Amino acid sequence: MSADGNWKITMNTPMGARTMDVSITTSGDSFTGKVESEMGPGEVSGKIDGDTLTWSTEITTPMPMKLDFLAKVDGDKMSGNVKLGMFGNAALTGERA
């Protein structure tokens, strides 16, 4: 199943649940997209390996850090993990919007 489309992703961080709306467009073994979240709008690009997406992004709110995402797509669902810099890991889930 393709990851193309709009997704509502929730990260369960130590500071509570954080959500973002992500639009994904795949091309071969990579993807691009747009993100809307409480941290502001942005763009994303990453890699695809089978049903697994990986990407990184730098944020400045609530504090500067790099987030590393790994998400597995299963139909209209997504699950995975986000590395939150020095704050460890957070589970993520997503649904096609």
PDB file of N, CA and C in Angstrom:
ATOM      1  N   MET A   1       0.854  -1.184   0.000  1.00  0.00           N
ATOM      2  CA  MET A   1       0.000   0.000   0.000  1.00  0.00           C
ATOM      3  C   MET A   1       0.885   1.228   0.000  1.00  0.00           C
ATOM      4  N   SER A   2       0.511   2.192  -0.752  1.00  0.00           N
ATOM      5  CA  SER A   2       1.272   3.431  -0.882  1.00  0.00           C
ATOM      6  C   SER A   2       1.065   4.335   0.331  1.00  0.00           C
ATOM      7  N   ALA A   3       2.098   5.102   0.671  1.00  0.00           N
ATOM      8  CA  ALA A   3       2.005   6.084   1.752  1.00  0.00           C
ATOM      9  C   ALA A   3       1.467   7.410   1.254  1.00  0.00           C
ATOM     10  N   ASP A   4       1.235   7.535  -0.054  1.00  0.00           N
ATOM     11  CA  ASP A   4       0.746   8.796  -0.618  1.00  0.00           C
ATOM     12  C   ASP A   4      -0.557   9.220   0.036  1.00  0.00           C
ATOM     13  N   GLY A   5      -0.671  10.518   0.300  1.00  0.00           N
ATOM     14  CA  GLY A   5      -1.920  11.049   0.829  1.00  0.00           C
ATOM     15  C   GLY A   5      -1.711  11.899   2.060  1.00  0.00           C
ATOM     16  N   ASN A   6      -2.821  12.172   2.734  1.00  0.00           N
ATOM     17  CA  ASN A   6      -2.814  13.015   3.930  1.00  0.00           C
ATOM     18  C   ASN A   6      -2.926  12.151   5.182  1.00  0.00           C
ATOM     19  N   TRP A   7      -2.113  12.492   6.176  1.00  0.00           N
ATOM     20  CA  TRP A   7      -2.041  11.728   7.414  1.00  0.00           C
ATOM     21  C   TRP A   7      -2.174  12.645   8.620  1.00  0.00           C
ATOM     22  N   LYS A   8      -2.828  12.146   9.665  1.00  0.00           N
ATOM     23  CA  LYS A   8      -2.829  12.802  10.972  1.00  0.00           C
ATOM     24  C   LYS A   8      -1.965  11.918  11.861  1.00  0.00           C
ATOM     25  N   ILE A   9      -0.813  12.456  12.289  1.00  0.00           N
ATOM     26  CA  ILE A   9       0.159  11.702  13.075  1.00  0.00           C
ATOM     27  C   ILE A   9       0.185  12.248  14.497  1.00  0.00           C
ATOM     28  N   THR A  10       0.191  11.337  15.471  1.00  0.00           N
ATOM     29  CA  THR A  10       0.269  11.702  16.885  1.00  0.00           C
ATOM     30  C   THR A  10       1.537  11.114  17.481  1.00  0.00           C
ATOM     31  N   MET A  11       2.315  11.967  18.127  1.00  0.00           N
ATOM     32  CA  MET A  11       3.510  11.530  18.861  1.00  0.00           C
ATOM     33  C   MET A  11       3.182  11.597  20.349  1.00  0.00           C
ATOM     34  N   ASN A  12       3.441  10.519  21.078  1.00  0.00           N
ATOM     35  CA  ASN A  12       3.191  10.488  22.521  1.00  0.00           C
ATOM     36  C   ASN A  12       4.474  10.859  23.253  1.00  0.00           C
ATOM     37  N   THR A  13       4.733  12.158  23.400  1.00  0.00           N
ATOM     38  CA  THR A  13       5.978  12.672  23.968  1.00  0.00           C
ATOM     39  C   THR A  13       5.883  12.762  25.488  1.00  0.00           C
ATOM     40  N   PRO A  14       7.021  12.950  26.164  1.00  0.00           N
ATOM     41  CA  PRO A  14       6.995  13.146  27.617  1.00  0.00           C
ATOM     42  C   PRO A  14       6.185  14.387  28.018  1.00  0.00           C
ATOM     43  N   MET A  15       5.977  15.312  27.082  1.00  0.00           N
ATOM     44  CA  MET A  15       5.205  16.526  27.355  1.00  0.00           C
ATOM     45  C   MET A  15       3.753  16.388  26.886  1.00  0.00           C
ATOM     46  N   GLY A  16       3.321  15.163  26.642  1.00  0.00           N
ATOM     47  CA  GLY A  16       1.955  14.917  26.192  1.00  0.00           C
ATOM     48  C   GLY A  16       1.883  14.635  24.706  1.00  0.00           C
ATOM     49  N   ALA A  17       0.682  14.340  24.254  1.00  0.00           N
ATOM     50  CA  ALA A  17       0.465  14.019  22.839  1.00  0.00           C
ATOM     51  C   ALA A  17       0.631  15.275  21.983  1.00  0.00           C
ATOM     52  N   ARG A  18       1.344  15.132  20.882  1.00  0.00           N
ATOM     53  CA  ARG A  18       1.542  16.204  19.914  1.00  0.00           C
ATOM     54  C   ARG A  18       1.088  15.668  18.565  1.00  0.00           C
ATOM     55  N   THR A  19       0.278  16.451  17.854  1.00  0.00           N
ATOM     56  CA  THR A  19      -0.242  15.991  16.569  1.00  0.00           C
ATOM     57  C   THR A  19       0.277  16.854  15.438  1.00  0.00           C
ATOM     58  N   MET A  20       0.284  16.267  14.258  1.00  0.00           N
ATOM     59  CA  MET A  20       0.659  17.000  13.054  1.00  0.00           C
ATOM     60  C   MET A  20      -0.098  16.424  11.870  1.00  0.00           C
ATOM     61  N   ASP A  21      -0.397  17.289  10.928  1.00  0.00           N
ATOM     62  CA  ASP A  21      -0.999  16.883   9.667  1.00  0.00           C
ATOM     63  C   ASP A  21       0.105  16.861   8.620  1.00  0.00           C
ATOM     64  N   VAL A  22       0.240  15.737   7.939  1.00  0.00           N
ATOM     65  CA  VAL A  22       1.320  15.556   6.969  1.00  0.00           C
ATOM     66  C   VAL A  22       0.736  15.095   5.641  1.00  0.00           C
ATOM     67  N   SER A  23       1.135  15.739   4.555  1.00  0.00           N
ATOM     68  CA  SER A  23       0.780  15.264   3.217  1.00  0.00           C
ATOM     69  C   SER A  23       2.035  14.657   2.609  1.00  0.00           C
ATOM     70  N   ILE A  24       1.909  13.445   2.076  1.00  0.00           N
ATOM     71  CA  ILE A  24       3.057  12.689   1.562  1.00  0.00           C
ATOM     72  C   ILE A  24       2.861  12.388   0.081  1.00  0.00           C
ATOM     73  N   THR A  25       3.934  12.601  -0.691  1.00  0.00           N
ATOM     74  CA  THR A  25       3.976  12.223  -2.101  1.00  0.00           C
ATOM     75  C   THR A  25       5.225  11.379  -2.306  1.00  0.00           C
ATOM     76  N   THR A  26       5.037  10.127  -2.714  1.00  0.00           N
ATOM     77  CA  THR A  26       6.165   9.224  -2.903  1.00  0.00           C
ATOM     78  C   THR A  26       6.669   9.280  -4.339  1.00  0.00           C
ATOM     79  N   SER A  27       7.958   8.945  -4.490  1.00  0.00           N
ATOM     80  CA  SER A  27       8.585   8.836  -5.803  1.00  0.00           C
ATOM     81  C   SER A  27       9.733   7.845  -5.683  1.00  0.00           C
ATOM     82  N   GLY A  28       9.498   6.617  -6.135  1.00  0.00           N
ATOM     83  CA  GLY A  28      10.529   5.586  -6.015  1.00  0.00           C
ATOM     84  C   GLY A  28      10.800   5.251  -4.561  1.00  0.00           C
ATOM     85  N   ASP A  29      12.074   5.406  -4.142  1.00  0.00           N
ATOM     86  CA  ASP A  29      12.439   5.074  -2.764  1.00  0.00           C
ATOM     87  C   ASP A  29      12.562   6.310  -1.876  1.00  0.00           C
ATOM     88  N   SER A  30      11.878   7.393  -2.268  1.00  0.00           N
ATOM     89  CA  SER A  30      11.902   8.606  -1.452  1.00  0.00           C
ATOM     90  C   SER A  30      10.521   9.256  -1.437  1.00  0.00           C
ATOM     91  N   PHE A  31      10.348  10.238  -0.562  1.00  0.00           N
ATOM     92  CA  PHE A  31       9.097  10.969  -0.505  1.00  0.00           C
ATOM     93  C   PHE A  31       9.344  12.412  -0.088  1.00  0.00           C
ATOM     94  N   THR A  32       8.391  13.262  -0.405  1.00  0.00           N
ATOM     95  CA  THR A  32       8.382  14.648   0.032  1.00  0.00           C
ATOM     96  C   THR A  32       7.005  14.925   0.605  1.00  0.00           C
ATOM     97  N   GLY A  33       6.903  16.028   1.337  1.00  0.00           N
ATOM     98  CA  GLY A  33       5.603  16.364   1.882  1.00  0.00           C
ATOM     99  C   GLY A  33       5.595  17.690   2.601  1.00  0.00           C
ATOM    100  N   LYS A  34       4.419  18.044   3.070  1.00  0.00           N
ATOM    101  CA  LYS A  34       4.213  19.267   3.837  1.00  0.00           C
ATOM    102  C   LYS A  34       3.656  18.893   5.200  1.00  0.00           C
ATOM    103  N   VAL A  35       4.063  19.660   6.223  1.00  0.00           N
ATOM    104  CA  VAL A  35       3.657  19.402   7.599  1.00  0.00           C
ATOM    105  C   VAL A  35       3.010  20.651   8.177  1.00  0.00           C
ATOM    106  N   GLU A  36       1.922  20.457   8.896  1.00  0.00           N
ATOM    107  CA  GLU A  36       1.280  21.519   9.682  1.00  0.00           C
ATOM    108  C   GLU A  36       1.193  21.000  11.114  1.00  0.00           C
ATOM    109  N   SER A  37       1.756  21.769  12.060  1.00  0.00           N
ATOM    110  CA  SER A  37       1.705  21.357  13.460  1.00  0.00           C
ATOM    111  C   SER A  37       1.776  22.587  14.345  1.00  0.00           C
ATOM    112  N   GLU A  38       1.693  22.374  15.661  1.00  0.00           N
ATOM    113  CA  GLU A  38       1.811  23.492  16.600  1.00  0.00           C
ATOM    114  C   GLU A  38       3.192  24.135  16.529  1.00  0.00           C
ATOM    115  N   MET A  39       4.151  23.426  15.950  1.00  0.00           N
ATOM    116  CA  MET A  39       5.498  23.968  15.782  1.00  0.00           C
ATOM    117  C   MET A  39       5.594  24.817  14.522  1.00  0.00           C
ATOM    118  N   GLY A  40       4.482  24.908  13.779  1.00  0.00           N
ATOM    119  CA  GLY A  40       4.450  25.698  12.563  1.00  0.00           C
ATOM    120  C   GLY A  40       4.462  24.835  11.322  1.00  0.00           C
ATOM    121  N   PRO A  41       4.347  25.472  10.154  1.00  0.00           N
ATOM    122  CA  PRO A  41       4.366  24.722   8.897  1.00  0.00           C
ATOM    123  C   PRO A  41       5.794  24.360   8.508  1.00  0.00           C
ATOM    124  N   GLY A  42       5.911  23.338   7.697  1.00  0.00           N
ATOM    125  CA  GLY A  42       7.231  22.957   7.213  1.00  0.00           C
ATOM    126  C   GLY A  42       7.131  21.972   6.078  1.00  0.00           C
ATOM    127  N   GLU A  43       8.295  21.597   5.597  1.00  0.00           N
ATOM    128  CA  GLU A  43       8.383  20.594   4.541  1.00  0.00           C
ATOM    129  C   GLU A  43       9.189  19.421   5.061  1.00  0.00           C
ATOM    130  N   VAL A  44       8.943  18.273   4.490  1.00  0.00           N
ATOM    131  CA  VAL A  44       9.619  17.056   4.914  1.00  0.00           C
ATOM    132  C   VAL A  44      10.041  16.278   3.673  1.00  0.00           C
ATOM    133  N   SER A  45      11.159  15.578   3.793  1.00  0.00           N
ATOM    134  CA  SER A  45      11.579  14.650   2.752  1.00  0.00           C
ATOM    135  C   SER A  45      12.285  13.491   3.438  1.00  0.00           C
ATOM    136  N   GLY A  46      12.136  12.314   2.874  1.00  0.00           N
ATOM    137  CA  GLY A  46      12.731  11.146   3.514  1.00  0.00           C
ATOM    138  C   GLY A  46      12.854   9.978   2.569  1.00  0.00           C
ATOM    139  N   LYS A  47      13.145   8.826   3.153  1.00  0.00           N
ATOM    140  CA  LYS A  47      13.389   7.591   2.411  1.00  0.00           C
ATOM    141  C   LYS A  47      12.276   6.582   2.665  1.00  0.00           C
ATOM    142  N   ILE A  48      12.096   5.692   1.684  1.00  0.00           N
ATOM    143  CA  ILE A  48      11.131   4.605   1.779  1.00  0.00           C
ATOM    144  C   ILE A  48      11.891   3.293   1.589  1.00  0.00           C
ATOM    145  N   ASP A  49      11.656   2.342   2.488  1.00  0.00           N
ATOM    146  CA  ASP A  49      12.213   1.000   2.364  1.00  0.00           C
ATOM    147  C   ASP A  49      11.065   0.027   2.599  1.00  0.00           C
ATOM    148  N   GLY A  50      10.484  -0.472   1.516  1.00  0.00           N
ATOM    149  CA  GLY A  50       9.301  -1.336   1.638  1.00  0.00           C
ATOM    150  C   GLY A  50       8.128  -0.533   2.170  1.00  0.00           C
ATOM    151  N   ASP A  51       7.647  -0.890   3.375  1.00  0.00           N
ATOM    152  CA  ASP A  51       6.524  -0.173   3.982  1.00  0.00           C
ATOM    153  C   ASP A  51       6.976   0.776   5.093  1.00  0.00           C
ATOM    154  N   THR A  52       8.297   1.054   5.150  1.00  0.00           N
ATOM    155  CA  THR A  52       8.851   1.881   6.221  1.00  0.00           C
ATOM    156  C   THR A  52       9.346   3.222   5.698  1.00  0.00           C
ATOM    157  N   LEU A  53       8.925   4.294   6.368  1.00  0.00           N
ATOM    158  CA  LEU A  53       9.354   5.654   6.038  1.00  0.00           C
ATOM    159  C   LEU A  53      10.318   6.135   7.114  1.00  0.00           C
ATOM    160  N   THR A  54      11.387   6.831   6.712  1.00  0.00           N
ATOM    161  CA  THR A  54      12.293   7.460   7.660  1.00  0.00           C
ATOM    162  C   THR A  54      12.547   8.891   7.219  1.00  0.00           C
ATOM    163  N   TRP A  55      12.586   9.805   8.207  1.00  0.00           N
ATOM    164  CA  TRP A  55      12.900  11.205   7.928  1.00  0.00           C
ATOM    165  C   TRP A  55      13.335  11.886   9.211  1.00  0.00           C
ATOM    166  N   SER A  56      13.978  13.029   9.050  1.00  0.00           N
ATOM    167  CA  SER A  56      14.436  13.837  10.180  1.00  0.00           C
ATOM    168  C   SER A  56      13.986  15.271   9.974  1.00  0.00           C
ATOM    169  N   THR A  57      13.825  15.973  11.077  1.00  0.00           N
ATOM    170  CA  THR A  57      13.489  17.387  11.006  1.00  0.00           C
ATOM    171  C   THR A  57      14.067  18.101  12.224  1.00  0.00           C
ATOM    172  N   GLU A  58      14.389  19.360  12.040  1.00  0.00           N
ATOM    173  CA  GLU A  58      14.879  20.207  13.133  1.00  0.00           C
ATOM    174  C   GLU A  58      13.725  21.084  13.590  1.00  0.00           C
ATOM    175  N   ILE A  59      13.511  21.151  14.913  1.00  0.00           N
ATOM    176  CA  ILE A  59      12.473  22.029  15.440  1.00  0.00           C
ATOM    177  C   ILE A  59      13.112  23.078  16.347  1.00  0.00           C
ATOM    178  N   THR A  60      12.384  24.145  16.587  1.00  0.00           N
ATOM    179  CA  THR A  60      12.851  25.198  17.501  1.00  0.00           C
ATOM    180  C   THR A  60      11.888  25.405  18.661  1.00  0.00           C
ATOM    181  N   THR A  61      10.648  24.859  18.553  1.00  0.00           N
ATOM    182  CA  THR A  61       9.635  25.009  19.594  1.00  0.00           C
ATOM    183  C   THR A  61       9.209  23.637  20.075  1.00  0.00           C
ATOM    184  N   PRO A  62       9.160  23.329  21.343  1.00  0.00           N
ATOM    185  CA  PRO A  62       9.366  24.229  22.473  1.00  0.00           C
ATOM    186  C   PRO A  62      10.838  24.524  22.756  1.00  0.00           C
ATOM    187  N   MET A  63      11.739  23.739  22.141  1.00  0.00           N
ATOM    188  CA  MET A  63      13.173  24.006  22.253  1.00  0.00           C
ATOM    189  C   MET A  63      13.856  23.403  21.036  1.00  0.00           C
ATOM    190  N   PRO A  64      15.039  23.911  20.680  1.00  0.00           N
ATOM    191  CA  PRO A  64      15.725  23.370  19.509  1.00  0.00           C
ATOM    192  C   PRO A  64      16.137  21.907  19.708  1.00  0.00           C
ATOM    193  N   MET A  65      15.800  21.056  18.749  1.00  0.00           N
ATOM    194  CA  MET A  65      16.239  19.665  18.754  1.00  0.00           C
ATOM    195  C   MET A  65      15.967  19.035  17.402  1.00  0.00           C
ATOM    196  N   LYS A  66      16.646  17.929  17.154  1.00  0.00           N
ATOM    197  CA  LYS A  66      16.443  17.151  15.940  1.00  0.00           C
ATOM    198  C   LYS A  66      15.520  15.985  16.275  1.00  0.00           C
ATOM    199  N   LEU A  67      14.517  15.781  15.437  1.00  0.00           N
ATOM    200  CA  LEU A  67      13.602  14.655  15.574  1.00  0.00           C
ATOM    201  C   LEU A  67      13.872  13.673  14.438  1.00  0.00           C
ATOM    202  N   ASP A  68      14.054  12.392  14.781  1.00  0.00           N
ATOM    203  CA  ASP A  68      14.269  11.343  13.788  1.00  0.00           C
ATOM    204  C   ASP A  68      13.071  10.396  13.817  1.00  0.00           C
ATOM    205  N   PHE A  69      12.389  10.283  12.689  1.00  0.00           N
ATOM    206  CA  PHE A  69      11.162   9.495  12.590  1.00  0.00           C
ATOM    207  C   PHE A  69      11.412   8.175  11.876  1.00  0.00           C
ATOM    208  N   LEU A  70      10.736   7.117  12.328  1.00  0.00           N
ATOM    209  CA  LEU A  70      10.670   5.826  11.647  1.00  0.00           C
ATOM    210  C   LEU A  70       9.226   5.367  11.770  1.00  0.00           C
ATOM    211  N   ALA A  71       8.547   5.207  10.637  1.00  0.00           N
ATOM    212  CA  ALA A  71       7.128   4.854  10.655  1.00  0.00           C
ATOM    213  C   ALA A  71       6.846   3.767   9.632  1.00  0.00           C
ATOM    214  N   LYS A  72       6.058   2.782  10.042  1.00  0.00           N
ATOM    215  CA  LYS A  72       5.642   1.695   9.164  1.00  0.00           C
ATOM    216  C   LYS A  72       4.193   1.940   8.745  1.00  0.00           C
ATOM    217  N   VAL A  73       3.938   1.893   7.442  1.00  0.00           N
ATOM    218  CA  VAL A  73       2.599   2.080   6.902  1.00  0.00           C
ATOM    219  C   VAL A  73       1.953   0.714   6.708  1.00  0.00           C
ATOM    220  N   ASP A  74       0.718   0.572   7.230  1.00  0.00           N
ATOM    221  CA  ASP A  74      -0.053  -0.661   7.087  1.00  0.00           C
ATOM    222  C   ASP A  74      -1.472  -0.257   6.688  1.00  0.00           C
ATOM    223  N   GLY A  75      -1.714  -0.191   5.387  1.00  0.00           N
ATOM    224  CA  GLY A  75      -3.022   0.249   4.899  1.00  0.00           C
ATOM    225  C   GLY A  75      -3.245   1.714   5.207  1.00  0.00           C
ATOM    226  N   ASP A  76      -4.280   1.995   6.000  1.00  0.00           N
ATOM    227  CA  ASP A  76      -4.601   3.370   6.374  1.00  0.00           C
ATOM    228  C   ASP A  76      -4.086   3.724   7.761  1.00  0.00           C
ATOM    229  N   LYS A  77      -3.168   2.927   8.295  1.00  0.00           N
ATOM    230  CA  LYS A  77      -2.593   3.162   9.620  1.00  0.00           C
ATOM    231  C   LYS A  77      -1.077   3.307   9.506  1.00  0.00           C
ATOM    232  N   MET A  78      -0.511   3.974  10.474  1.00  0.00           N
ATOM    233  CA  MET A  78       0.928   4.173  10.550  1.00  0.00           C
ATOM    234  C   MET A  78       1.322   4.005  12.019  1.00  0.00           C
ATOM    235  N   SER A  79       2.465   3.375  12.270  1.00  0.00           N
ATOM    236  CA  SER A  79       2.972   3.262  13.637  1.00  0.00           C
ATOM    237  C   SER A  79       4.488   3.304  13.585  1.00  0.00           C
ATOM    238  N   GLY A  80       5.090   3.751  14.688  1.00  0.00           N
ATOM    239  CA  GLY A  80       6.539   3.827  14.696  1.00  0.00           C
ATOM    240  C   GLY A  80       7.084   4.529  15.910  1.00  0.00           C
ATOM    241  N   ASN A  81       8.203   5.203  15.696  1.00  0.00           N
ATOM    242  CA  ASN A  81       8.967   5.787  16.786  1.00  0.00           C
ATOM    243  C   ASN A  81       9.581   7.110  16.333  1.00  0.00           C
ATOM    244  N   VAL A  82       9.711   8.024  17.302  1.00  0.00           N
ATOM    245  CA  VAL A  82      10.395   9.294  17.060  1.00  0.00           C
ATOM    246  C   VAL A  82      11.495   9.431  18.109  1.00  0.00           C
ATOM    247  N   LYS A  83      12.729   9.652  17.667  1.00  0.00           N
ATOM    248  CA  LYS A  83      13.818   9.964  18.590  1.00  0.00           C
ATOM    249  C   LYS A  83      13.761  11.457  18.874  1.00  0.00           C
ATOM    250  N   LEU A  84      13.650  11.799  20.160  1.00  0.00           N
ATOM    251  CA  LEU A  84      13.455  13.186  20.586  1.00  0.00           C
ATOM    252  C   LEU A  84      14.740  13.778  21.142  1.00  0.00           C
ATOM    253  N   GLY A  85      15.815  13.703  20.389  1.00  0.00           N
ATOM    254  CA  GLY A  85      17.083  14.236  20.871  1.00  0.00           C
ATOM    255  C   GLY A  85      17.451  13.639  22.215  1.00  0.00           C
ATOM    256  N   MET A  86      17.807  14.486  23.196  1.00  0.00           N
ATOM    257  CA  MET A  86      18.222  14.007  24.519  1.00  0.00           C
ATOM    258  C   MET A  86      17.053  13.542  25.378  1.00  0.00           C
ATOM    259  N   PHE A  87      15.810  13.655  24.862  1.00  0.00           N
ATOM    260  CA  PHE A  87      14.636  13.267  25.639  1.00  0.00           C
ATOM    261  C   PHE A  87      14.174  11.847  25.361  1.00  0.00           C
ATOM    262  N   GLY A  88      14.964  11.055  24.657  1.00  0.00           N
ATOM    263  CA  GLY A  88      14.625   9.661  24.428  1.00  0.00           C
ATOM    264  C   GLY A  88      13.735   9.470  23.221  1.00  0.00           C
ATOM    265  N   ASN A  89      12.833   8.493  23.329  1.00  0.00           N
ATOM    266  CA  ASN A  89      11.974   8.091  22.228  1.00  0.00           C
ATOM    267  C   ASN A  89      10.506   8.298  22.563  1.00  0.00           C
ATOM    268  N   ALA A  90       9.703   8.435  21.535  1.00  0.00           N
ATOM    269  CA  ALA A  90       8.249   8.535  21.692  1.00  0.00           C
ATOM    270  C   ALA A  90       7.589   7.684  20.620  1.00  0.00           C
ATOM    271  N   ALA A  91       6.533   6.990  21.006  1.00  0.00           N
ATOM    272  CA  ALA A  91       5.752   6.216  20.036  1.00  0.00           C
ATOM    273  C   ALA A  91       4.964   7.176  19.159  1.00  0.00           C
ATOM    274  N   LEU A  92       4.765   6.770  17.907  1.00  0.00           N
ATOM    275  CA  LEU A  92       3.901   7.552  17.029  1.00  0.00           C
ATOM    276  C   LEU A  92       2.869   6.640  16.402  1.00  0.00           C
ATOM    277  N   THR A  93       1.711   7.206  16.157  1.00  0.00           N
ATOM    278  CA  THR A  93       0.642   6.511  15.427  1.00  0.00           C
ATOM    279  C   THR A  93       0.082   7.496  14.418  1.00  0.00           C
ATOM    280  N   GLY A  94      -0.489   6.964  13.365  1.00  0.00           N
ATOM    281  CA  GLY A  94      -1.078   7.835  12.358  1.00  0.00           C
ATOM    282  C   GLY A  94      -2.231   7.155  11.662  1.00  0.00           C
ATOM    283  N   GLU A  95      -3.110   7.990  11.143  1.00  0.00           N
ATOM    284  CA  GLU A  95      -4.234   7.515  10.347  1.00  0.00           C
ATOM    285  C   GLU A  95      -4.378   8.387   9.116  1.00  0.00           C
ATOM    286  N   ARG A  96      -4.778   7.760   8.026  1.00  0.00           N
ATOM    287  CA  ARG A  96      -5.041   8.520   6.812  1.00  0.00           C
ATOM    288  C   ARG A  96      -6.188   9.491   7.075  1.00  0.00           C
ATOM    289  N   ALA A  97      -5.999  10.729   6.677  1.00  0.00           N
ATOM    290  CA  ALA A  97      -7.028  11.746   6.937  1.00  0.00           C
ATOM    291  C   ALA A  97      -7.950  11.907   5.758  1.00  0.00           C
TER     292      ALA A  97
END
